[in-house]
């Protein structure tokens, strides 16, 4: 029997298990599936692994609950930033973390964290999709991982699991697939968002990169003539009830310096036996 020390954290309703890099010989995919099981394991949306990096101050690996490895996770990055500050006391207030989506910057104080993400790419608006014999228009943007945005009214009535799963596996988004965000506009600077997450294969209580995607796409739709903007701000209400804050700059209609701010709370520490 092997013992693995872990920390359980939650960011805006997204819950994660965090471990330092496990010893050689451990199958990370199998470990994640077992640990994230909500009946026979610790229970979480994913496993975050802190490791050393040759390119940045730290490396963060993100393993989804189904064992697949994700390029990026906004809420996970905020939890990892808070974990690093509490356990490693970094010399820098703002430090770097290597991810599969690139190097991101992070800072944390107590149980609030802010991360600067890689620039979004591949934005497309009004993509027609045939779903259940009906045509709907969705937008698409990659905020470190792929996201489809569907605007609706009556967000509380939508079947996120069934419709989200259909769009997630739609041939238009293969082979990577996509996360799916159902978004209701509440005002000029605030939206409500529910997300079907690729890798979890279900709705989660929040999605960081999904909140960023919803914020950016909504801002672009509401301000089609705007080309330059400093510190644009959007608020995104998540299913957990927490509101995340998204900031970004726009130069010649290019979105950059994207920041995500919200809570990152410690839930438990423990030992897991394999």
Protein backbone atom coordinates (compact mmCIF):
# COMPACT_ATOMS: atom_id res chain seq x y z
CA UNK A 1 0.00 0.00 0.00
CA UNK A 2 1.36 3.42 -1.05
CA UNK A 3 0.45 6.67 0.67
CA UNK A 4 -0.09 9.94 -1.22
CA UNK A 5 -0.51 13.23 0.64
CA UNK A 6 -3.14 15.47 -0.92
CA UNK A 7 -4.93 18.77 -0.47
CA UNK A 8 -8.56 19.32 -1.48
CA UNK A 9 -9.45 22.80 -2.77
CA UNK A 10 -12.39 24.49 -4.45
CA UNK A 11 -12.47 27.51 -6.75
CA UNK A 12 -15.94 28.99 -7.35
CA UNK A 13 -17.49 25.53 -7.06
CA UNK A 14 -14.87 23.68 -9.16
CA UNK A 15 -13.20 21.21 -6.79
CA UNK A 16 -9.71 19.78 -7.16
CA UNK A 17 -7.26 17.42 -5.51
CA UNK A 18 -3.72 18.82 -5.45
CA UNK A 19 -0.59 16.71 -5.04
CA UNK A 20 3.12 17.21 -5.46
CA UNK A 21 4.51 15.06 -8.27
CA UNK A 22 3.97 11.40 -7.31
CA UNK A 23 6.79 8.89 -7.17
CA UNK A 24 7.82 6.97 -10.27
CA UNK A 25 5.75 3.93 -11.08
CA UNK A 26 2.37 5.54 -10.37
CA UNK A 27 -0.04 5.67 -13.31
CA UNK A 28 -1.33 9.25 -13.07
CA UNK A 29 -4.38 8.58 -15.25
CA UNK A 30 -5.54 5.63 -13.15
CA UNK A 31 -4.71 7.48 -9.95
CA UNK A 32 -6.83 10.46 -11.01
CA UNK A 33 -9.83 8.33 -11.93
CA UNK A 34 -9.70 6.59 -8.55
CA UNK A 35 -9.06 9.71 -6.46
CA UNK A 36 -11.74 11.79 -8.21
CA UNK A 37 -14.42 9.13 -7.74
CA UNK A 38 -16.98 10.69 -5.41
CA UNK A 39 -17.96 7.39 -3.79
CA UNK A 40 -14.78 5.33 -3.55
CA UNK A 41 -12.23 8.14 -3.73
CA UNK A 42 -11.74 11.67 -2.43
CA UNK A 43 -14.06 13.16 -5.03
CA UNK A 44 -13.19 16.06 -7.37
CA UNK A 45 -13.56 17.50 -10.87
CA UNK A 46 -9.86 16.89 -11.48
CA UNK A 47 -6.36 16.32 -10.14
CA UNK A 48 -3.74 19.09 -10.18
CA UNK A 49 -0.08 18.08 -10.03
CA UNK A 50 2.60 20.54 -8.93
CA UNK A 51 5.97 19.86 -10.54
CA UNK A 52 9.26 21.55 -11.40
CA UNK A 53 9.67 23.50 -14.63
CA UNK A 54 12.65 24.51 -16.75
CA UNK A 55 10.64 27.32 -18.36
CA UNK A 56 8.77 28.84 -15.42
CA UNK A 57 8.81 29.04 -11.63
CA UNK A 58 6.48 26.03 -11.39
CA UNK A 59 4.67 23.54 -13.59
CA UNK A 60 1.00 22.60 -13.25
CA UNK A 61 -0.41 19.44 -14.81
CA UNK A 62 -4.19 19.20 -15.05
CA UNK A 63 -5.79 15.75 -15.19
CA UNK A 64 -9.54 15.62 -15.69
CA UNK A 65 -11.71 13.26 -13.66
CA UNK A 66 -11.86 10.85 -16.62
CA UNK A 67 -8.06 10.62 -16.76
CA UNK A 68 -7.55 12.86 -19.80
CA UNK A 69 -5.00 15.65 -19.52
CA UNK A 70 -6.20 19.21 -20.06
CA UNK A 71 -4.22 22.08 -21.50
CA UNK A 72 -5.54 24.64 -19.06
CA UNK A 73 -8.01 25.19 -16.21
CA UNK A 74 -8.68 28.69 -14.93
CA UNK A 75 -10.21 27.75 -11.57
CA UNK A 76 -7.57 25.06 -11.11
CA UNK A 77 -4.81 27.59 -11.78
CA UNK A 78 -6.20 29.88 -9.08
CA UNK A 79 -6.32 26.98 -6.62
CA UNK A 80 -2.76 25.99 -7.51
CA UNK A 81 -1.56 29.57 -7.07
CA UNK A 82 -3.07 29.71 -3.60
CA UNK A 83 -1.58 26.30 -2.77
CA UNK A 84 1.89 27.47 -3.85
CA UNK A 85 1.71 30.68 -1.81
CA UNK A 86 0.61 28.83 1.33
CA UNK A 87 3.05 25.92 1.07
CA UNK A 88 6.11 27.28 -0.75
CA UNK A 89 6.16 30.99 0.11
CA UNK A 90 7.52 32.14 -3.30
CA UNK A 91 9.94 35.07 -3.42
CA UNK A 92 7.88 36.78 -6.12
CA UNK A 93 4.43 38.27 -5.57
CA UNK A 94 3.57 37.37 -9.16
CA UNK A 95 5.05 34.06 -10.30
CA UNK A 96 4.89 31.92 -13.43
CA UNK A 97 3.36 28.49 -13.99
CA UNK A 98 3.96 26.30 -17.01
CA UNK A 99 0.88 24.59 -18.50
CA UNK A 100 0.19 22.77 -21.75
CA UNK A 101 -1.50 25.98 -22.94
CA UNK A 102 1.62 28.02 -22.25
CA UNK A 103 3.08 29.97 -19.35
CA UNK A 104 0.63 31.85 -17.17
CA UNK A 105 1.21 34.34 -14.36
CA UNK A 106 -0.39 34.04 -10.94
CA UNK A 107 -0.72 35.71 -7.58
CA UNK A 108 -2.70 34.90 -4.44
CA UNK A 109 -3.50 36.40 -1.07
CA UNK A 110 -5.23 34.34 1.58
CA UNK A 111 -8.04 32.57 -0.32
CA UNK A 112 -8.35 34.87 -3.33
CA UNK A 113 -6.26 34.37 -6.44
CA UNK A 114 -5.78 36.03 -9.81
CA UNK A 115 -4.20 34.47 -12.88
CA UNK A 116 -3.15 36.00 -16.20
CA UNK A 117 -3.95 33.53 -18.95
CA UNK A 118 -2.58 32.97 -22.43
CA UNK A 119 -4.17 35.09 -25.17
CA UNK A 120 -7.43 33.65 -26.58
CA UNK A 121 -7.43 32.49 -30.18
CA UNK A 122 -9.56 31.09 -33.01
CA UNK A 123 -12.63 33.22 -32.25
CA UNK A 124 -15.58 32.45 -34.52
CA UNK A 125 -19.12 33.82 -34.19
CA UNK A 126 -22.45 32.41 -35.35
CA UNK A 127 -21.44 28.89 -36.30
CA UNK A 128 -24.59 27.03 -37.43
CA UNK A 129 -25.04 23.60 -35.84
CA UNK A 130 -27.79 21.07 -36.36
CA UNK A 131 -28.86 19.73 -32.96
CA UNK A 132 -31.85 17.40 -32.62
CA UNK A 133 -33.15 18.40 -36.07
CA UNK A 134 -32.94 22.09 -35.23
CA UNK A 135 -30.31 24.65 -36.25
CA UNK A 136 -28.70 26.81 -33.60
CA UNK A 137 -25.88 29.35 -33.81
CA UNK A 138 -22.95 29.09 -31.43
CA UNK A 139 -19.73 31.04 -31.01
CA UNK A 140 -16.32 29.48 -30.45
CA UNK A 141 -13.11 30.61 -28.78
CA UNK A 142 -10.02 28.92 -27.40
CA UNK A 143 -9.09 30.38 -24.00
CA UNK A 144 -6.44 27.75 -23.33
CA UNK A 145 -8.98 25.01 -24.03
CA UNK A 146 -11.80 25.03 -26.61
CA UNK A 147 -15.15 26.58 -25.69
CA UNK A 148 -18.47 26.84 -27.51
CA UNK A 149 -20.84 29.61 -26.37
CA UNK A 150 -24.61 29.27 -26.68
CA UNK A 151 -26.76 32.29 -25.81
CA UNK A 152 -30.15 31.51 -24.34
CA UNK A 153 -32.93 32.91 -22.18
CA UNK A 154 -34.15 30.92 -19.23
CA UNK A 155 -30.78 29.49 -18.20
CA UNK A 156 -32.26 27.63 -15.24
CA UNK A 157 -34.47 25.56 -17.54
CA UNK A 158 -31.81 24.33 -20.00
CA UNK A 159 -30.78 20.66 -20.01
CA UNK A 160 -27.05 21.34 -19.77
CA UNK A 161 -26.03 17.68 -19.65
CA UNK A 162 -27.93 16.43 -22.70
CA UNK A 163 -27.56 19.41 -25.02
CA UNK A 164 -24.04 20.13 -23.80
CA UNK A 165 -22.92 16.57 -24.46
CA UNK A 166 -24.37 16.67 -27.99
CA UNK A 167 -22.46 19.86 -28.82
CA UNK A 168 -19.31 18.65 -27.04
CA UNK A 169 -19.10 15.66 -29.41
CA UNK A 170 -20.45 17.42 -32.52
CA UNK A 171 -18.42 16.66 -35.66
CA UNK A 172 -17.80 20.40 -36.11
CA UNK A 173 -15.46 20.36 -33.11
CA UNK A 174 -13.66 17.10 -33.66
CA UNK A 175 -11.12 15.72 -32.93
CA UNK A 176 -10.54 17.81 -29.77
CA UNK A 177 -14.17 18.26 -28.84
CA UNK A 178 -15.23 21.35 -26.92
CA UNK A 179 -16.49 22.59 -23.59
CA UNK A 180 -19.98 24.07 -23.89
CA UNK A 181 -21.14 27.22 -22.11
CA UNK A 182 -24.78 28.25 -21.94
CA UNK A 183 -24.89 31.99 -21.35
CA UNK A 184 -27.66 34.40 -20.40
CA UNK A 185 -26.89 38.12 -20.56
CA UNK A 186 -27.93 39.87 -17.34
CA UNK A 187 -26.56 43.34 -18.14
CA UNK A 188 -23.86 45.28 -19.98
CA UNK A 189 -21.09 43.88 -17.82
CA UNK A 190 -22.50 40.67 -16.32
CA UNK A 191 -23.60 37.28 -17.60
CA UNK A 192 -24.88 34.07 -16.05
CA UNK A 193 -23.10 30.91 -17.24
CA UNK A 194 -23.56 27.15 -16.93
CA UNK A 195 -20.92 24.81 -18.38
CA UNK A 196 -20.69 21.24 -19.65
CA UNK A 197 -17.02 20.37 -19.15
CA UNK A 198 -15.03 18.15 -21.45
CA UNK A 199 -13.13 15.59 -19.38
CA UNK A 200 -15.58 15.74 -16.48
CA UNK A 201 -18.32 14.87 -19.01
CA UNK A 202 -21.01 16.62 -17.03
CA UNK A 203 -22.04 20.05 -15.82
CA UNK A 204 -19.74 21.53 -13.19
CA UNK A 205 -20.53 24.25 -10.67
CA UNK A 206 -18.10 26.60 -12.41
CA UNK A 207 -15.51 26.71 -15.18
CA UNK A 208 -12.74 29.31 -15.16
CA UNK A 209 -11.74 29.21 -18.83
CA UNK A 210 -15.45 28.95 -19.69
CA UNK A 211 -16.18 32.08 -17.68
CA UNK A 212 -13.37 33.85 -19.54
CA UNK A 213 -14.76 32.64 -22.88
CA UNK A 214 -18.28 33.81 -22.00
CA UNK A 215 -16.97 37.19 -20.85
CA UNK A 216 -14.82 37.88 -23.92
CA UNK A 217 -17.34 36.72 -26.51
CA UNK A 218 -20.14 38.70 -24.86
CA UNK A 219 -18.01 41.84 -24.74
CA UNK A 220 -17.11 41.49 -28.42
CA UNK A 221 -20.76 40.99 -29.36
CA UNK A 222 -21.88 44.00 -27.34
CA UNK A 223 -19.08 46.25 -28.60
CA UNK A 224 -18.58 45.30 -32.28
CA UNK A 225 -17.07 48.67 -33.27
CA UNK A 226 -14.55 48.84 -30.44
CA UNK A 227 -10.93 48.19 -31.41
CA UNK A 228 -8.95 49.34 -28.39
CA UNK A 229 -9.75 49.08 -24.71
CA UNK A 230 -7.76 49.04 -21.50
CA UNK A 231 -8.89 46.94 -18.56
CA UNK A 232 -12.25 45.84 -19.90
CA UNK A 233 -14.21 44.10 -17.16
CA UNK A 234 -16.95 41.51 -17.18
CA UNK A 235 -18.53 39.60 -14.30
CA UNK A 236 -19.62 35.99 -14.71
CA UNK A 237 -22.12 34.40 -12.35
CA UNK A 238 -21.52 30.65 -12.00
CA UNK A 239 -23.83 27.80 -11.01
CA UNK A 240 -22.19 27.73 -7.56
CA UNK A 241 -23.55 31.22 -6.96
CA UNK A 242 -20.10 32.83 -6.94
CA UNK A 243 -19.31 35.60 -9.39
CA UNK A 244 -15.92 35.55 -11.11
CA UNK A 245 -14.24 38.69 -12.41
CA UNK A 246 -12.65 38.77 -15.87
CA UNK A 247 -10.37 41.60 -17.06
CA UNK A 248 -8.63 42.03 -20.40
CA UNK A 249 -7.09 44.54 -22.80
CA UNK A 250 -7.87 44.92 -26.49
CA UNK A 251 -5.42 46.36 -29.02
CA UNK A 252 -6.49 46.54 -32.68
CA UNK A 253 -9.24 44.04 -31.78
CA UNK A 254 -6.67 41.60 -30.42
CA UNK A 255 -7.53 40.40 -26.90
CA UNK A 256 -4.59 40.08 -24.53
CA UNK A 257 -3.58 40.29 -20.86
CA UNK A 258 -6.62 38.27 -19.80
CA UNK A 259 -7.04 37.98 -16.04
CA UNK A 260 -9.37 35.81 -13.98
CA UNK A 261 -10.03 36.62 -10.33
CA UNK A 262 -11.99 34.70 -7.70
CA UNK A 263 -11.88 32.54 -4.61
CA UNK A 264 -9.62 29.53 -4.04
CA UNK A 265 -10.50 27.81 -0.78
CA UNK A 266 -8.82 25.05 1.19
CA UNK A 267 -11.20 22.22 2.08
CA UNK A 268 -9.11 19.41 3.54
CA UNK A 269 -5.74 17.72 3.74
CA UNK A 270 -5.27 13.98 3.96
CA UNK A 271 -3.61 10.74 2.96
CA UNK A 272 -4.80 8.62 0.06
CA UNK A 273 -3.86 4.96 -0.13
CA UNK A 274 -3.26 3.17 -3.42
